Amino acid sequence: MSYPNTYRMGCSTSGGICGSEVFDDSLVVTAVHFEYSTIESVQVQIDEHPSSYEAGEYVSKSLPKDGLQHVLCLLMGLVFLGVT
């Protein structure tokens, strides 16, 4: 089965939590179908901007404003939080 008009997004994690259990070396896949929604995708490399704030501004300016209801961000936590 082919889905030519799909967006594929992903990120990594150090483990998954389900209920009260923690799973290492696992994979979670989710498929979502929206019947009446429009999906837009923006990708940004944080290290190509002076700060994460400017990277966020780039994302904000890249998204259409009419009808915008939600924004979902997938990112590398260590880089975003400045831990590395």
Protein backbone atom coordinates (compact mmCIF):
# COMPACT_ATOMS: atom_id res chain seq x y z
CA MET A 1 0.00 0.00 0.00
CA SER A 2 1.38 3.42 -0.93
CA TYR A 3 0.65 6.78 0.67
CA PRO A 4 2.17 9.38 -1.68
CA ASN A 5 0.78 12.49 0.05
CA THR A 6 2.05 11.79 3.55
CA TYR A 7 4.38 13.56 5.93
CA ARG A 8 6.84 11.40 7.82
CA MET A 9 8.35 12.83 10.99
CA GLY A 10 10.39 11.30 13.73
CA CYS A 11 12.75 11.72 16.61
CA SER A 12 14.70 9.55 18.99
CA THR A 13 14.42 8.91 22.70
CA SER A 14 16.45 7.13 25.34
CA GLY A 15 13.45 4.99 26.24
CA GLY A 16 9.70 4.73 26.24
CA ILE A 17 7.24 4.92 29.12
CA CYS A 18 3.99 2.99 29.06
CA GLY A 19 1.98 3.09 32.27
CA SER A 20 4.46 2.41 35.06
CA GLU A 21 7.01 0.59 32.88
CA VAL A 22 10.09 1.97 31.10
CA PHE A 23 11.26 0.32 27.88
CA ASP A 24 14.76 0.64 26.39
CA ASP A 25 15.68 -0.33 22.83
CA SER A 26 12.08 0.01 21.67
CA LEU A 27 10.32 1.62 18.72
CA VAL A 28 6.96 3.37 18.62
CA VAL A 29 5.17 4.09 15.34
CA THR A 30 1.96 6.08 15.05
CA ALA A 31 -0.14 6.78 11.96
CA VAL A 32 -2.74 9.55 12.01
CA HIS A 33 -5.36 10.35 9.39
CA PHE A 34 -7.10 13.74 9.29
CA GLU A 35 -10.20 13.90 7.14
CA TYR A 36 -10.70 17.68 7.13
CA SER A 37 -7.36 19.14 8.22
CA THR A 38 -4.44 20.70 6.43
CA ILE A 39 -0.94 19.64 7.46
CA GLU A 40 2.16 21.79 6.98
CA SER A 41 5.74 20.79 7.73
CA VAL A 42 8.74 22.98 8.53
CA GLN A 43 12.26 21.77 9.25
CA VAL A 44 14.99 23.85 10.87
CA GLN A 45 18.53 23.16 12.00
CA ILE A 46 18.94 24.98 15.33
CA ASP A 47 22.72 25.23 14.91
CA GLU A 48 22.19 27.24 11.69
CA HIS A 49 20.65 30.08 13.74
CA PRO A 50 22.24 32.31 16.39
CA SER A 51 19.96 30.83 19.08
CA SER A 52 17.02 28.49 19.55
CA TYR A 53 14.84 31.60 19.85
CA GLU A 54 15.75 32.70 16.31
CA ALA A 55 15.18 29.13 15.08
CA GLY A 56 11.70 29.28 16.63
CA GLU A 57 11.04 32.61 14.92
CA TYR A 58 12.00 31.00 11.60
CA VAL A 59 9.49 28.20 12.19
CA SER A 60 6.79 30.69 13.21
CA LYS A 61 7.31 32.81 10.09
CA SER A 62 7.34 29.70 7.87
CA LEU A 63 3.92 28.45 8.97
CA PRO A 64 0.70 29.79 7.41
CA LYS A 65 -1.28 31.80 9.98
CA ASP A 66 -4.82 31.42 8.54
CA GLY A 67 -6.63 28.65 10.38
CA LEU A 68 -3.60 27.62 12.46
CA GLN A 69 -4.82 25.62 15.46
CA HIS A 70 -1.87 23.51 16.67
CA VAL A 71 1.89 23.18 16.29
CA LEU A 72 3.76 19.96 17.09
CA CYS A 73 7.54 20.21 17.54
CA LEU A 74 9.85 17.21 17.42
CA LEU A 75 13.42 18.00 18.42
CA MET A 76 16.60 16.73 19.97
CA GLY A 77 16.19 17.41 23.68
CA LEU A 78 19.89 17.56 24.59
CA VAL A 79 20.67 20.15 21.92
CA PHE A 80 17.52 22.18 22.58
CA LEU A 81 18.04 22.21 26.33
CA GLY A 82 21.69 23.17 25.95
CA VAL A 83 23.02 20.14 27.81
CA THR A 84 25.55 19.03 25.18
